[in-house]
Amino acid sequence: MLESWRRIFTVSKKPDWEEYKLMLKVTALGILLIGVLGFVVLLVFSLTSIGRPA
């Protein structure tokens, strides 16, 4: 198992600035999409009687 970890650390490399910016954009987009989806679900539930006690 220790050999596997050693191989991972020798193969891996530090991301350059362009790769870091791309990861940052993808992560921000994912967080934004999850937030918008949550807001839409909350809006639908508040405008309809779904989820309210009878």
N, C-alpha and C. Protein backbone atom coordinates (compact mmCIF):
# COMPACT_ATOMS: atom_id res chain seq x y z
N MET A 1 0.83 -1.21 0.00
CA MET A 1 0.00 0.00 0.00
C MET A 1 0.87 1.26 0.00
N LEU A 2 1.95 1.21 0.74
CA LEU A 2 2.85 2.36 0.78
C LEU A 2 3.45 2.64 -0.59
N GLU A 3 3.70 1.59 -1.36
CA GLU A 3 4.24 1.74 -2.71
C GLU A 3 3.25 2.46 -3.63
N SER A 4 1.97 2.19 -3.44
CA SER A 4 0.94 2.87 -4.24
C SER A 4 0.94 4.37 -3.96
N TRP A 5 1.03 4.72 -2.69
CA TRP A 5 1.06 6.14 -2.32
C TRP A 5 2.29 6.83 -2.90
N ARG A 6 3.42 6.15 -2.82
CA ARG A 6 4.66 6.72 -3.34
C ARG A 6 4.54 6.97 -4.84
N ARG A 7 3.91 6.04 -5.56
CA ARG A 7 3.74 6.19 -7.01
C ARG A 7 2.83 7.37 -7.33
N ILE A 8 1.76 7.53 -6.55
CA ILE A 8 0.84 8.65 -6.76
C ILE A 8 1.58 9.98 -6.60
N PHE A 9 2.39 10.09 -5.55
CA PHE A 9 3.09 11.35 -5.31
C PHE A 9 4.17 11.63 -6.36
N THR A 10 4.77 10.60 -6.93
CA THR A 10 5.78 10.86 -7.96
C THR A 10 5.14 11.19 -9.30
N VAL A 11 3.96 10.66 -9.59
CA VAL A 11 3.30 10.92 -10.87
C VAL A 11 2.57 12.25 -10.85
N SER A 12 2.03 12.64 -9.70
CA SER A 12 1.23 13.86 -9.62
C SER A 12 2.11 15.10 -9.78
N LYS A 13 1.47 16.17 -10.23
CA LYS A 13 2.19 17.43 -10.41
C LYS A 13 1.32 18.57 -9.90
N LYS A 14 1.97 19.66 -9.60
CA LYS A 14 1.26 20.85 -9.14
C LYS A 14 0.58 21.49 -10.35
N PRO A 15 -0.72 21.85 -10.22
CA PRO A 15 -1.40 22.47 -11.37
C PRO A 15 -0.84 23.85 -11.68
N ASP A 16 -0.79 24.18 -12.96
CA ASP A 16 -0.36 25.52 -13.33
C ASP A 16 -1.54 26.48 -13.17
N TRP A 17 -1.28 27.75 -13.43
CA TRP A 17 -2.29 28.79 -13.18
C TRP A 17 -3.54 28.59 -14.06
N GLU A 18 -3.37 28.21 -15.31
CA GLU A 18 -4.50 28.02 -16.22
C GLU A 18 -5.39 26.86 -15.74
N GLU A 19 -4.76 25.76 -15.33
CA GLU A 19 -5.53 24.62 -14.83
C GLU A 19 -6.25 24.98 -13.53
N TYR A 20 -5.60 25.76 -12.68
CA TYR A 20 -6.21 26.19 -11.43
C TYR A 20 -7.43 27.08 -11.70
N LYS A 21 -7.31 28.01 -12.66
CA LYS A 21 -8.44 28.88 -13.00
C LYS A 21 -9.61 28.08 -13.55
N LEU A 22 -9.32 27.06 -14.36
CA LEU A 22 -10.37 26.21 -14.92
C LEU A 22 -11.09 25.44 -13.80
N MET A 23 -10.33 24.88 -12.86
CA MET A 23 -10.97 24.18 -11.73
C MET A 23 -11.81 25.13 -10.90
N LEU A 24 -11.34 26.35 -10.71
CA LEU A 24 -12.08 27.35 -9.95
C LEU A 24 -13.40 27.70 -10.65
N LYS A 25 -13.36 27.87 -11.98
CA LYS A 25 -14.57 28.20 -12.73
C LYS A 25 -15.58 27.05 -12.69
N VAL A 26 -15.11 25.81 -12.85
CA VAL A 26 -16.00 24.65 -12.83
C VAL A 26 -16.64 24.49 -11.45
N THR A 27 -15.84 24.67 -10.40
CA THR A 27 -16.37 24.57 -9.04
C THR A 27 -17.40 25.66 -8.76
N ALA A 28 -17.10 26.89 -9.15
CA ALA A 28 -18.04 28.00 -8.95
C ALA A 28 -19.33 27.77 -9.72
N LEU A 29 -19.22 27.26 -10.93
CA LEU A 29 -20.40 26.99 -11.73
C LEU A 29 -21.26 25.90 -11.08
N GLY A 30 -20.63 24.87 -10.55
CA GLY A 30 -21.36 23.80 -9.86
C GLY A 30 -22.08 24.32 -8.63
N ILE A 31 -21.42 25.14 -7.83
CA ILE A 31 -22.04 25.72 -6.64
C ILE A 31 -23.22 26.60 -7.04
N LEU A 32 -23.04 27.40 -8.08
CA LEU A 32 -24.11 28.27 -8.56
C LEU A 32 -25.31 27.47 -9.05
N LEU A 33 -25.06 26.41 -9.81
CA LEU A 33 -26.16 25.58 -10.32
C LEU A 33 -26.93 24.90 -9.19
N ILE A 34 -26.22 24.41 -8.18
CA ILE A 34 -26.90 23.78 -7.05
C ILE A 34 -27.73 24.81 -6.29
N GLY A 35 -27.22 26.02 -6.14
CA GLY A 35 -27.96 27.08 -5.48
C GLY A 35 -29.21 27.47 -6.24
N VAL A 36 -29.10 27.61 -7.55
CA VAL A 36 -30.26 27.95 -8.39
C VAL A 36 -31.30 26.84 -8.34
N LEU A 37 -30.84 25.59 -8.41
CA LEU A 37 -31.76 24.46 -8.33
C LEU A 37 -32.49 24.45 -6.99
N GLY A 38 -31.79 24.68 -5.90
CA GLY A 38 -32.42 24.75 -4.58
C GLY A 38 -33.44 25.88 -4.50
N PHE A 39 -33.11 27.04 -5.08
CA PHE A 39 -34.03 28.16 -5.06
C PHE A 39 -35.29 27.85 -5.87
N VAL A 40 -35.13 27.22 -7.03
CA VAL A 40 -36.29 26.87 -7.85
C VAL A 40 -37.19 25.87 -7.13
N VAL A 41 -36.59 24.89 -6.48
CA VAL A 41 -37.39 23.91 -5.72
C VAL A 41 -38.13 24.61 -4.59
N LEU A 42 -37.46 25.49 -3.86
CA LEU A 42 -38.11 26.24 -2.78
C LEU A 42 -39.23 27.11 -3.33
N LEU A 43 -39.03 27.74 -4.46
CA LEU A 43 -40.05 28.58 -5.07
C LEU A 43 -41.26 27.76 -5.48
N VAL A 44 -41.03 26.61 -6.09
CA VAL A 44 -42.14 25.74 -6.51
C VAL A 44 -42.93 25.27 -5.29
N PHE A 45 -42.23 24.87 -4.24
CA PHE A 45 -42.92 24.40 -3.04
C PHE A 45 -43.70 25.52 -2.36
N SER A 46 -43.19 26.75 -2.39
CA SER A 46 -43.88 27.84 -1.72
C SER A 46 -45.06 28.35 -2.55
N LEU A 47 -45.02 28.20 -3.87
CA LEU A 47 -46.12 28.68 -4.71
C LEU A 47 -47.23 27.64 -4.87
N THR A 48 -46.92 26.39 -4.58
CA THR A 48 -47.93 25.34 -4.67
C THR A 48 -48.21 24.82 -3.26
N SER A 49 -49.15 23.91 -3.18
CA SER A 49 -49.47 23.34 -1.86
C SER A 49 -48.71 22.05 -1.60
N ILE A 50 -47.66 21.80 -2.36
CA ILE A 50 -46.87 20.59 -2.17
C ILE A 50 -46.09 20.71 -0.86
N GLY A 51 -46.17 19.68 -0.06
CA GLY A 51 -45.40 19.65 1.17
C GLY A 51 -46.07 20.30 2.36
N ARG A 52 -47.23 20.90 2.17
CA ARG A 52 -47.94 21.51 3.30
C ARG A 52 -48.86 20.49 3.93
N PRO A 53 -49.01 20.53 5.25
CA PRO A 53 -49.93 19.61 5.91
C PRO A 53 -51.38 19.85 5.44
N ALA A 54 -52.13 18.77 5.31
CA ALA A 54 -53.51 18.88 4.84
C ALA A 54 -54.44 19.40 5.91
